[in-house]
N, C-alpha and C. Protein backbone atom coordinates (compact mmCIF):
# COMPACT_ATOMS: atom_id res chain seq x y z
N ALA A 1 238.21 68.31 71.12
CA ALA A 1 238.66 67.08 71.76
C ALA A 1 239.64 66.37 70.87
N ILE A 2 239.48 66.40 69.53
CA ILE A 2 240.28 65.84 68.62
C ILE A 2 241.73 66.49 68.71
N SER A 3 241.75 67.80 68.69
CA SER A 3 243.00 68.51 68.79
C SER A 3 243.81 68.19 70.04
N LEU A 4 243.05 67.99 71.25
CA LEU A 4 243.57 67.73 72.52
C LEU A 4 244.37 66.39 72.49
N TYR A 5 243.69 65.39 71.98
CA TYR A 5 244.31 64.00 71.94
C TYR A 5 245.33 63.92 70.92
N ALA A 6 245.25 64.78 69.87
CA ALA A 6 246.25 64.73 68.80
C ALA A 6 247.62 65.20 69.39
N ASN A 7 247.57 66.12 70.38
CA ASN A 7 248.80 66.64 70.89
C ASN A 7 249.33 65.79 72.11
N MET A 8 248.57 64.85 72.57
CA MET A 8 249.06 64.02 73.68
C MET A 8 250.06 62.92 73.29
N THR A 9 251.02 62.70 73.97
CA THR A 9 252.04 61.60 73.62
C THR A 9 251.91 60.55 74.64
N TRP A 10 251.74 59.32 74.17
CA TRP A 10 251.64 58.10 75.05
C TRP A 10 253.06 57.81 75.57
N ILE A 11 253.25 57.63 76.94
CA ILE A 11 254.45 57.31 77.52
C ILE A 11 254.35 55.93 78.09
N ALA A 12 255.25 55.04 77.70
CA ALA A 12 255.21 53.68 78.19
C ALA A 12 255.58 53.67 79.70
N PRO A 13 254.81 52.92 80.51
CA PRO A 13 255.04 52.79 81.95
C PRO A 13 256.47 52.21 82.16
N GLY A 14 257.28 52.64 83.12
CA GLY A 14 258.49 52.13 83.39
C GLY A 14 259.65 52.65 82.65
N SER A 15 259.33 53.51 81.60
CA SER A 15 260.33 54.10 80.76
C SER A 15 261.00 55.24 81.48
N GLN A 16 262.09 55.68 80.92
CA GLN A 16 262.73 56.80 81.52
C GLN A 16 261.91 58.11 81.49
N ALA A 17 261.24 58.23 80.42
CA ALA A 17 260.41 59.46 80.27
C ALA A 17 259.33 59.34 81.26
N ALA A 18 258.80 58.24 81.61
CA ALA A 18 257.71 58.07 82.69
C ALA A 18 258.31 58.47 83.99
N ASP A 19 259.59 57.99 84.34
CA ASP A 19 260.11 58.36 85.60
C ASP A 19 260.31 59.83 85.70
N VAL A 20 260.71 60.57 84.65
CA VAL A 20 260.87 61.98 84.69
C VAL A 20 259.52 62.68 84.89
N ARG A 21 258.51 62.15 84.17
CA ARG A 21 257.20 62.72 84.35
C ARG A 21 256.69 62.62 85.78
N ASP A 22 256.90 61.35 86.40
CA ASP A 22 256.39 61.13 87.79
C ASP A 22 257.20 61.97 88.75
N SER A 23 258.48 62.14 88.51
CA SER A 23 259.26 63.01 89.39
C SER A 23 258.87 64.47 89.35
N GLN A 24 258.48 64.92 88.12
CA GLN A 24 258.02 66.36 88.01
C GLN A 24 256.63 66.50 88.75
N ARG A 25 255.80 65.48 88.64
CA ARG A 25 254.43 65.59 89.32
C ARG A 25 254.66 65.64 90.80
N ARG A 26 255.66 64.79 91.35
CA ARG A 26 255.87 64.79 92.79
C ARG A 26 256.39 66.12 93.28
N ALA A 27 257.28 66.73 92.46
CA ALA A 27 257.87 68.05 92.90
C ALA A 27 256.83 69.07 92.86
N LEU A 28 255.89 69.01 91.86
CA LEU A 28 254.85 70.05 91.80
C LEU A 28 253.87 69.91 93.01
N ALA A 29 253.53 68.61 93.37
CA ALA A 29 252.62 68.30 94.46
C ALA A 29 253.23 68.85 95.79
N SER A 30 254.54 68.54 96.02
CA SER A 30 255.18 68.93 97.17
C SER A 30 255.33 70.48 97.32
N ALA A 31 255.54 71.23 96.18
CA ALA A 31 255.62 72.65 96.16
C ALA A 31 254.34 73.26 96.58
N THR A 32 253.24 72.64 95.94
CA THR A 32 251.87 73.11 96.17
C THR A 32 251.46 72.92 97.67
N LEU A 33 251.82 71.77 98.30
CA LEU A 33 251.53 71.52 99.66
C LEU A 33 252.23 72.42 100.57
N SER A 34 253.62 72.71 100.21
CA SER A 34 254.30 73.63 101.10
C SER A 34 253.78 75.04 101.07
N SER A 35 253.29 75.46 99.86
CA SER A 35 252.64 76.80 99.77
C SER A 35 251.36 76.89 100.62
N LEU A 36 250.57 75.81 100.60
CA LEU A 36 249.32 75.77 101.38
C LEU A 36 249.59 75.83 102.84
N VAL A 37 250.55 75.04 103.32
CA VAL A 37 251.03 75.00 104.69
C VAL A 37 251.52 76.37 105.10
N ALA A 38 252.30 77.11 104.31
CA ALA A 38 252.87 78.39 104.66
C ALA A 38 251.66 79.44 104.79
N VAL A 39 250.72 79.38 103.87
CA VAL A 39 249.56 80.28 103.97
C VAL A 39 248.77 79.98 105.23
N TRP A 40 248.53 78.74 105.57
CA TRP A 40 247.79 78.34 106.69
C TRP A 40 248.52 78.85 107.93
N GLY A 41 249.83 78.61 108.05
CA GLY A 41 250.51 79.05 109.21
C GLY A 41 250.51 80.56 109.43
N ALA A 42 250.55 81.26 108.34
CA ALA A 42 250.50 82.77 108.48
C ALA A 42 249.14 83.16 109.02
N GLU A 43 248.16 82.55 108.52
CA GLU A 43 246.80 82.90 109.03
C GLU A 43 246.63 82.48 110.44
N GLN A 44 247.15 81.37 110.90
CA GLN A 44 247.12 81.02 112.24
C GLN A 44 247.85 81.87 113.19
N ALA A 45 248.97 82.31 112.72
CA ALA A 45 249.82 83.19 113.55
C ALA A 45 249.11 84.54 113.91
N HIS A 46 248.30 84.97 112.96
CA HIS A 46 247.55 86.21 113.21
C HIS A 46 246.14 86.08 113.51
N ALA A 47 245.63 84.76 113.73
CA ALA A 47 244.25 84.56 114.12
C ALA A 47 244.16 84.83 115.59
N ALA A 48 243.08 85.58 115.96
CA ALA A 48 242.82 85.90 117.30
C ALA A 48 242.38 84.64 118.14
N ARG A 49 242.86 84.53 119.30
CA ARG A 49 242.48 83.43 120.23
C ARG A 49 241.28 84.01 121.17
N PRO A 50 240.84 83.14 122.04
CA PRO A 50 239.70 83.61 122.93
C PRO A 50 240.18 84.79 123.80
N ASP A 51 241.47 84.78 124.15
CA ASP A 51 242.00 85.92 125.00
C ASP A 51 242.29 87.17 124.22
N GLY A 52 242.11 87.10 122.86
CA GLY A 52 242.35 88.34 122.08
C GLY A 52 243.83 88.35 121.54
N LYS A 53 244.66 87.38 122.00
CA LYS A 53 245.99 87.39 121.61
C LYS A 53 246.16 86.45 120.34
N THR A 54 247.20 86.76 119.57
CA THR A 54 247.45 85.83 118.38
C THR A 54 248.64 85.04 118.74
N LEU A 55 248.94 84.04 117.92
CA LEU A 55 250.11 83.18 118.19
C LEU A 55 251.36 84.08 118.13
N ALA A 56 251.38 85.06 117.17
CA ALA A 56 252.52 85.89 116.92
C ALA A 56 252.71 86.78 118.26
N ASP A 57 251.60 87.19 118.84
CA ASP A 57 251.66 87.91 120.11
C ASP A 57 252.30 87.09 121.17
N THR A 58 251.89 85.83 121.31
CA THR A 58 252.32 84.93 122.36
C THR A 58 253.81 84.67 122.22
N THR A 59 254.27 84.55 120.95
CA THR A 59 255.65 84.19 120.70
C THR A 59 256.52 85.40 121.13
N ALA A 60 256.07 86.55 120.72
CA ALA A 60 256.78 87.81 121.13
C ALA A 60 256.81 87.99 122.61
N LEU A 61 255.74 87.68 123.25
CA LEU A 61 255.74 87.76 124.75
C LEU A 61 256.73 86.83 125.36
N ALA A 62 256.74 85.57 124.84
CA ALA A 62 257.65 84.57 125.37
C ALA A 62 259.13 84.99 125.26
N ALA A 63 259.43 85.65 124.18
CA ALA A 63 260.81 86.12 123.89
C ALA A 63 261.15 87.23 124.84
N SER A 64 260.15 88.06 125.16
CA SER A 64 260.45 89.26 126.03
C SER A 64 260.57 88.81 127.46
N ALA A 65 260.09 87.56 127.75
CA ALA A 65 260.04 87.06 129.15
C ALA A 65 261.44 86.42 129.47
N VAL A 66 262.31 86.31 128.55
CA VAL A 66 263.59 85.65 128.86
C VAL A 66 264.27 86.47 129.90
N ASP A 67 264.93 85.87 131.03
CA ASP A 67 265.58 86.55 132.05
C ASP A 67 266.86 87.14 131.61
N LEU A 68 267.10 88.32 131.88
CA LEU A 68 268.39 89.10 131.68
C LEU A 68 269.04 89.49 133.01
N GLY A 69 270.25 89.69 133.00
CA GLY A 69 270.98 90.14 134.24
C GLY A 69 270.79 91.66 134.22
N VAL A 70 271.16 92.24 135.48
CA VAL A 70 271.05 93.73 135.59
C VAL A 70 271.99 94.33 134.63
N SER A 71 272.95 93.65 134.12
CA SER A 71 273.95 94.15 133.19
C SER A 71 273.32 94.34 131.72
N GLY A 72 272.19 93.59 131.58
CA GLY A 72 271.48 93.69 130.27
C GLY A 72 271.83 92.43 129.46
N ALA A 73 272.77 91.68 129.78
CA ALA A 73 273.15 90.44 129.10
C ALA A 73 272.30 89.22 129.59
N PRO A 74 272.18 88.19 128.83
CA PRO A 74 271.42 86.98 129.27
C PRO A 74 271.87 86.60 130.69
N LEU A 75 270.94 86.23 131.50
CA LEU A 75 271.24 85.84 132.92
C LEU A 75 272.04 84.65 133.00
N LEU A 76 273.13 84.69 133.70
CA LEU A 76 274.02 83.49 133.89
C LEU A 76 273.71 82.76 135.22
N PRO A 77 274.02 81.54 135.34
CA PRO A 77 273.82 80.76 136.57
C PRO A 77 274.56 81.39 137.72
N CYS A 78 273.98 81.39 138.88
CA CYS A 78 274.63 81.88 140.04
C CYS A 78 275.50 80.87 140.73
N THR A 79 274.95 79.68 140.85
CA THR A 79 275.70 78.64 141.48
C THR A 79 277.01 78.29 140.68
N GLN A 80 278.07 78.17 141.44
CA GLN A 80 279.38 77.81 140.83
C GLN A 80 279.90 76.40 141.39
N GLU A 81 280.78 75.97 140.60
CA GLU A 81 281.36 74.64 141.02
C GLU A 81 282.02 74.73 142.37
N GLY A 82 281.71 73.79 143.22
CA GLY A 82 282.30 73.84 144.67
C GLY A 82 281.31 74.47 145.65
N ASP A 83 280.20 75.04 145.21
CA ASP A 83 279.22 75.55 146.13
C ASP A 83 278.62 74.43 146.89
N ALA A 84 278.25 74.64 148.13
CA ALA A 84 277.71 73.49 149.03
C ALA A 84 276.30 73.12 148.54
N GLY A 85 275.56 74.07 147.92
CA GLY A 85 274.29 73.74 147.47
C GLY A 85 273.79 74.56 146.17
N THR A 86 272.72 74.13 145.58
CA THR A 86 272.21 74.75 144.40
C THR A 86 271.29 75.88 144.81
N THR A 87 271.45 77.04 144.32
CA THR A 87 270.71 78.16 144.77
C THR A 87 269.52 78.45 143.78
N GLY A 88 268.81 79.51 144.04
CA GLY A 88 267.65 79.93 143.26
C GLY A 88 266.38 79.49 143.97
N TRP A 89 265.31 80.32 143.79
CA TRP A 89 263.99 80.02 144.36
C TRP A 89 263.54 78.62 144.05
N THR A 90 263.73 78.13 142.80
CA THR A 90 263.40 76.88 142.42
C THR A 90 264.53 75.86 142.34
N ARG A 91 265.65 76.30 142.89
CA ARG A 91 266.83 75.55 142.95
C ARG A 91 267.37 75.04 141.55
N THR A 92 267.43 75.94 140.63
CA THR A 92 267.90 75.74 139.33
C THR A 92 269.28 76.12 139.21
N GLY A 93 269.84 76.88 140.16
CA GLY A 93 271.16 77.36 140.08
C GLY A 93 271.19 78.80 139.61
N SER A 94 270.01 79.33 139.22
CA SER A 94 270.04 80.68 138.72
C SER A 94 269.02 81.54 139.49
N CYS A 95 269.25 82.86 139.40
CA CYS A 95 268.25 83.78 140.15
C CYS A 95 267.08 84.11 139.27
N GLU A 96 266.41 83.07 138.77
CA GLU A 96 265.35 83.25 137.74
C GLU A 96 264.08 83.90 138.41
N TRP A 97 263.38 84.62 137.57
CA TRP A 97 262.11 85.21 138.03
C TRP A 97 261.07 84.07 138.15
N ASP A 98 260.29 84.10 139.23
CA ASP A 98 259.15 83.24 139.35
C ASP A 98 258.04 84.00 140.09
N SER A 99 256.84 83.99 139.54
CA SER A 99 255.76 84.84 140.12
C SER A 99 255.35 84.29 141.49
N SER A 100 255.75 83.13 141.89
CA SER A 100 255.36 82.69 143.24
C SER A 100 256.45 83.00 144.29
N ASP A 101 257.58 83.64 143.84
CA ASP A 101 258.66 84.01 144.68
C ASP A 101 258.37 85.46 145.29
N LYS A 102 257.78 85.51 146.42
CA LYS A 102 257.39 86.78 147.10
C LYS A 102 258.60 87.41 147.68
N GLY A 103 259.75 86.73 147.87
CA GLY A 103 260.92 87.32 148.49
C GLY A 103 261.87 87.77 147.56
N TYR A 104 261.56 87.64 146.18
CA TYR A 104 262.46 88.15 145.10
C TYR A 104 263.83 87.67 145.31
N HIS A 105 264.11 86.42 145.23
CA HIS A 105 265.46 85.82 145.34
C HIS A 105 266.20 86.08 144.02
N GLN A 106 266.56 87.22 143.70
CA GLN A 106 267.03 87.57 142.44
C GLN A 106 268.46 88.21 142.45
N VAL A 107 269.01 88.27 143.62
CA VAL A 107 270.28 88.97 143.86
C VAL A 107 271.38 87.96 144.01
N CYS A 108 272.31 87.85 143.03
CA CYS A 108 273.43 86.87 143.14
C CYS A 108 274.57 87.58 143.67
N VAL A 109 275.04 87.02 144.85
CA VAL A 109 276.14 87.64 145.51
C VAL A 109 277.11 86.49 145.92
N THR A 110 278.37 86.95 146.08
CA THR A 110 279.38 85.97 146.67
C THR A 110 279.30 86.33 148.16
N MET A 111 278.96 85.36 148.92
CA MET A 111 278.72 85.45 150.35
C MET A 111 279.86 85.89 151.18
N SER A 112 279.58 86.60 152.33
CA SER A 112 280.57 87.05 153.19
C SER A 112 280.24 86.47 154.61
N SER A 113 281.21 86.34 155.39
CA SER A 113 281.04 85.87 156.82
C SER A 113 280.34 86.96 157.55
N THR A 114 280.60 88.22 157.27
CA THR A 114 279.94 89.39 157.95
C THR A 114 278.45 89.33 157.74
N PHE A 115 278.04 89.18 156.52
CA PHE A 115 276.56 89.13 156.32
C PHE A 115 275.91 87.91 156.95
N LEU A 116 276.55 86.73 156.80
CA LEU A 116 275.98 85.61 157.34
C LEU A 116 275.70 85.67 158.94
N SER A 117 276.68 86.35 159.53
CA SER A 117 276.51 86.49 160.99
C SER A 117 275.46 87.52 161.35
N SER A 118 275.57 88.68 160.63
CA SER A 118 274.65 89.74 161.00
C SER A 118 273.21 89.55 160.63
N SER A 119 273.03 88.78 159.47
CA SER A 119 271.72 88.42 159.05
C SER A 119 271.02 87.47 159.95
N ALA A 120 271.89 86.56 160.34
CA ALA A 120 271.30 85.47 161.30
C ALA A 120 270.83 86.24 162.60
N GLN A 121 271.53 87.20 163.12
CA GLN A 121 271.17 87.83 164.37
C GLN A 121 270.09 88.84 164.23
N ALA A 122 270.29 89.80 163.15
CA ALA A 122 269.37 90.93 163.02
C ALA A 122 268.04 90.61 162.22
N ASP A 123 268.18 89.62 161.47
CA ASP A 123 267.10 89.40 160.40
C ASP A 123 266.41 88.05 160.66
N LYS A 124 266.98 87.23 161.54
CA LYS A 124 266.54 85.84 161.77
C LYS A 124 266.57 85.11 160.44
N ASN A 125 267.62 85.26 159.67
CA ASN A 125 267.77 84.68 158.40
C ASN A 125 269.12 83.94 158.36
N ASP A 126 269.18 82.71 158.88
CA ASP A 126 270.47 82.06 159.07
C ASP A 126 270.70 81.11 157.76
N LEU A 127 271.60 81.66 156.88
CA LEU A 127 271.96 80.85 155.73
C LEU A 127 273.09 79.94 155.77
N ARG A 128 273.74 79.90 157.02
CA ARG A 128 275.00 79.18 157.18
C ARG A 128 274.86 77.70 156.92
N SER A 129 273.72 77.11 156.94
CA SER A 129 273.58 75.72 156.67
C SER A 129 273.61 75.42 155.14
N VAL A 130 273.39 76.43 154.36
CA VAL A 130 273.31 76.14 152.92
C VAL A 130 274.45 76.82 152.08
N VAL A 131 275.09 77.79 152.58
CA VAL A 131 276.09 78.52 151.89
C VAL A 131 277.18 79.07 152.87
N GLY A 132 278.41 79.08 152.47
CA GLY A 132 279.49 79.61 153.30
C GLY A 132 280.16 80.79 152.74
N PRO A 133 281.01 81.45 153.35
CA PRO A 133 281.78 82.62 152.75
C PRO A 133 282.50 82.10 151.46
N GLY A 134 282.31 83.00 150.52
CA GLY A 134 282.97 82.64 149.18
C GLY A 134 282.03 81.93 148.19
N GLY A 135 280.92 81.44 148.80
CA GLY A 135 280.00 80.69 147.92
C GLY A 135 278.92 81.78 147.35
N ARG A 136 278.40 81.35 146.19
CA ARG A 136 277.38 82.22 145.54
C ARG A 136 276.04 81.82 145.95
N TRP A 137 275.22 82.81 146.18
CA TRP A 137 273.72 82.58 146.59
C TRP A 137 272.81 83.59 145.97
N CYS A 138 271.59 83.11 145.65
CA CYS A 138 270.56 84.11 145.29
C CYS A 138 269.85 84.53 146.58
N ILE A 139 270.17 85.78 147.00
CA ILE A 139 269.51 86.28 148.19
C ILE A 139 268.31 87.07 147.81
N CYS A 140 267.46 87.28 148.87
CA CYS A 140 266.19 88.04 148.68
C CYS A 140 266.55 89.53 148.35
N ALA A 141 265.56 90.19 147.81
CA ALA A 141 265.74 91.65 147.66
C ALA A 141 265.87 92.42 148.99
N TRP A 142 265.24 91.91 149.98
CA TRP A 142 265.26 92.54 151.28
C TRP A 142 266.64 92.35 151.96
N ALA A 143 267.30 91.20 151.66
CA ALA A 143 268.56 90.81 152.19
C ALA A 143 269.62 91.72 151.70
N TRP A 144 269.57 92.02 150.38
CA TRP A 144 270.58 93.02 149.76
C TRP A 144 270.27 94.34 150.40
N ALA A 145 269.04 94.74 150.59
CA ALA A 145 268.73 95.99 151.16
C ALA A 145 269.27 96.12 152.63
N SER A 146 269.25 94.99 153.33
CA SER A 146 269.71 94.99 154.69
C SER A 146 271.13 95.23 154.74
N ALA A 147 271.94 94.57 153.85
CA ALA A 147 273.42 94.71 153.85
C ALA A 147 273.80 96.16 153.50
N VAL A 148 272.99 96.76 152.49
CA VAL A 148 273.21 98.17 152.10
C VAL A 148 272.94 99.09 153.28
N SER A 149 271.88 98.78 154.00
CA SER A 149 271.46 99.62 155.16
C SER A 149 272.48 99.58 156.20
N ARG A 150 273.05 98.44 156.60
CA ARG A 150 273.91 98.29 157.70
C ARG A 150 275.37 98.77 157.24
N ASP A 151 275.69 98.63 156.03
CA ASP A 151 277.10 98.93 155.53
C ASP A 151 276.96 99.50 154.17
N PRO A 152 276.63 100.85 154.05
CA PRO A 152 276.42 101.50 152.71
C PRO A 152 277.72 101.46 151.77
N ASP A 153 278.85 101.39 152.38
CA ASP A 153 280.06 101.54 151.59
C ASP A 153 280.59 100.12 151.10
N SER A 154 280.51 99.09 151.95
CA SER A 154 281.02 97.81 151.51
C SER A 154 280.09 96.73 151.50
N PHE A 155 278.79 97.05 151.78
CA PHE A 155 277.69 96.00 151.73
C PHE A 155 277.94 94.79 152.49
N GLU A 156 278.61 94.87 153.67
CA GLU A 156 278.92 93.83 154.57
C GLU A 156 279.81 92.80 153.85
N GLY A 157 280.67 93.18 152.88
CA GLY A 157 281.57 92.32 152.19
C GLY A 157 280.98 91.53 151.05
N PHE A 158 279.76 91.83 150.63
CA PHE A 158 279.18 91.23 149.55
C PHE A 158 279.84 91.63 148.21
N SER A 159 279.88 90.68 147.25
CA SER A 159 280.36 90.94 145.89
C SER A 159 279.05 90.76 144.99
N LEU A 160 278.50 91.77 144.50
CA LEU A 160 277.36 91.60 143.63
C LEU A 160 277.72 91.29 142.20
N ASP A 161 277.14 90.18 141.60
CA ASP A 161 277.43 89.84 140.27
C ASP A 161 276.35 90.26 139.39
N CYS A 162 276.69 91.26 138.53
CA CYS A 162 275.65 91.85 137.65
C CYS A 162 275.14 91.01 136.54
N ASP A 163 275.95 90.08 136.12
CA ASP A 163 275.44 89.17 135.04
C ASP A 163 274.69 88.03 135.66
N ARG A 164 274.69 87.75 136.88
CA ARG A 164 273.99 86.66 137.54
C ARG A 164 272.81 87.18 138.33
N THR A 165 272.69 88.47 138.53
CA THR A 165 271.59 89.05 139.32
C THR A 165 270.45 89.48 138.30
N ASN A 166 269.23 89.00 138.63
CA ASN A 166 268.17 89.22 137.60
C ASN A 166 267.84 90.70 137.44
N GLY A 167 267.63 91.04 136.15
CA GLY A 167 267.43 92.38 135.86
C GLY A 167 266.00 92.91 136.39
N ARG A 168 265.11 91.97 136.63
CA ARG A 168 263.75 92.35 137.15
C ARG A 168 263.84 92.78 138.58
N LEU A 169 265.13 92.67 139.13
CA LEU A 169 265.19 93.20 140.57
C LEU A 169 264.89 94.71 140.63
N ARG A 170 265.27 95.41 139.59
CA ARG A 170 265.01 96.83 139.51
C ARG A 170 263.53 97.03 139.63
N ASN A 171 262.70 96.21 138.91
CA ASN A 171 261.29 96.45 138.87
C ASN A 171 260.70 96.20 140.32
N ALA A 172 261.28 95.22 140.96
CA ALA A 172 260.85 94.83 142.36
C ALA A 172 261.08 96.00 143.25
N TYR A 173 262.24 96.66 143.29
CA TYR A 173 262.50 97.72 144.14
C TYR A 173 261.70 98.92 143.72
N ARG A 174 261.51 99.17 142.46
CA ARG A 174 260.69 100.35 142.15
C ARG A 174 259.25 100.24 142.52
N SER A 175 258.77 98.93 142.50
CA SER A 175 257.34 98.71 142.92
C SER A 175 257.22 99.11 144.37
N PHE A 176 258.20 98.78 145.25
CA PHE A 176 258.15 99.09 146.63
C PHE A 176 258.27 100.57 146.76
N MET A 177 259.13 101.22 146.04
CA MET A 177 259.29 102.68 146.14
C MET A 177 257.97 103.42 145.71
N ASP A 178 257.38 102.89 144.62
CA ASP A 178 256.10 103.56 144.16
C ASP A 178 255.01 103.41 145.12
N SER A 179 254.92 102.33 145.88
CA SER A 179 253.85 102.19 146.83
C SER A 179 254.21 102.67 148.20
N GLY A 180 255.50 103.26 148.44
CA GLY A 180 255.86 103.79 149.68
C GLY A 180 256.17 102.67 150.74
N ARG A 181 256.45 101.47 150.35
CA ARG A 181 256.67 100.40 151.34
C ARG A 181 258.14 100.13 151.40
N ASP A 182 258.55 99.65 152.61
CA ASP A 182 259.84 99.06 152.87
C ASP A 182 259.83 97.57 152.63
N LEU A 183 261.10 97.09 152.47
CA LEU A 183 261.25 95.62 152.42
C LEU A 183 261.45 95.06 153.76
N VAL A 184 260.82 93.90 154.11
CA VAL A 184 260.75 93.43 155.47
C VAL A 184 261.33 92.15 155.62
N ALA A 185 262.29 91.98 156.60
CA ALA A 185 262.94 90.79 156.88
C ALA A 185 262.15 89.85 157.69
N PRO A 186 262.56 88.58 157.87
CA PRO A 186 261.70 87.65 158.71
C PRO A 186 261.64 88.05 160.16
N SER A 187 262.59 88.90 160.61
CA SER A 187 262.52 89.48 161.94
C SER A 187 261.59 90.63 162.16
N GLY A 188 261.10 91.11 161.00
CA GLY A 188 260.28 92.41 161.01
C GLY A 188 261.07 93.64 160.70
N ALA A 189 262.40 93.44 160.70
CA ALA A 189 263.26 94.65 160.44
C ALA A 189 262.90 95.17 158.97
N ARG A 190 262.89 96.52 158.90
CA ARG A 190 262.51 97.08 157.61
C ARG A 190 263.68 97.88 156.98
N TYR A 191 263.69 97.70 155.66
CA TYR A 191 264.81 98.34 154.94
C TYR A 191 264.22 99.03 153.68
N PRO A 192 264.82 100.27 153.35
CA PRO A 192 264.28 101.01 152.24
C PRO A 192 264.72 100.44 150.89
N ALA A 193 263.87 100.50 149.92
CA ALA A 193 264.13 99.99 148.65
C ALA A 193 265.01 100.93 147.80
N GLU A 194 264.80 102.24 148.09
CA GLU A 194 265.56 103.24 147.24
C GLU A 194 267.07 103.11 147.39
N ALA A 195 267.52 102.90 148.64
CA ALA A 195 268.96 102.80 148.87
C ALA A 195 269.49 101.55 148.29
N ALA A 196 268.71 100.43 148.27
CA ALA A 196 269.05 99.19 147.70
C ALA A 196 269.27 99.31 146.18
N LEU A 197 268.28 99.93 145.55
CA LEU A 197 268.30 100.15 144.14
C LEU A 197 269.49 101.03 143.81
N LYS A 198 269.71 102.13 144.48
CA LYS A 198 270.90 102.98 144.17
C LYS A 198 272.20 102.23 144.28
N ALA A 199 272.35 101.26 145.22
CA ALA A 199 273.48 100.45 145.41
C ALA A 199 273.71 99.50 144.16
N VAL A 200 272.57 98.92 143.72
CA VAL A 200 272.67 98.09 142.53
C VAL A 200 273.18 98.96 141.33
N GLU A 201 272.59 100.08 141.16
CA GLU A 201 273.00 101.01 140.03
C GLU A 201 274.51 101.43 140.21
N ALA A 202 274.87 101.61 141.38
CA ALA A 202 276.32 102.10 141.57
C ALA A 202 277.31 100.96 141.16
N VAL A 203 276.87 99.72 141.41
CA VAL A 203 277.74 98.57 141.07
C VAL A 203 277.67 98.27 139.62
N CYS A 204 276.38 98.08 139.14
CA CYS A 204 276.17 97.57 137.82
C CYS A 204 275.86 98.60 136.72
N GLY A 205 275.56 99.86 137.11
CA GLY A 205 275.21 100.91 136.16
C GLY A 205 273.81 100.83 135.75
């Protein structure tokens, strides 16, 4: 005890040396706290939740869920300036994936008068009140298939935008192909998924 106190130096409160000492203590405390937080964060990231997933798993899943276009690039908005309305299943302007969207409104096209007319007549799908020729719209997977079926070469004048069409469209068509189902229009008309997918691949690769 004697040697301990012999080596201690008394520092007057308010002196420059005291300020330096206090600054060093605060820096040490801050570094220690940061280290503890980092360790806790790492443990939490890999701690299993009730569903068996970890925070790291959930973060990775969220990143993988980001919508891409069929081109492989980040999905761009479909609605353009001057369009009569905002498109998309949830009217965000993009052909985003939504689990509640059973029609798969993932195909961004520049609309044609030919399709507007033929779809209204053959499919009971009249879009003329929301989009006109030259406007962009997120149409259903079956609607693209119908245009491909009626006009395999020119797709009834459609212009398919690969950066604005959701890449999950491929999965939608493949699910129909795997189960042997056709895509069905509101009129009951049926269209094959395979031809629709091949047309997407022909345009977008």
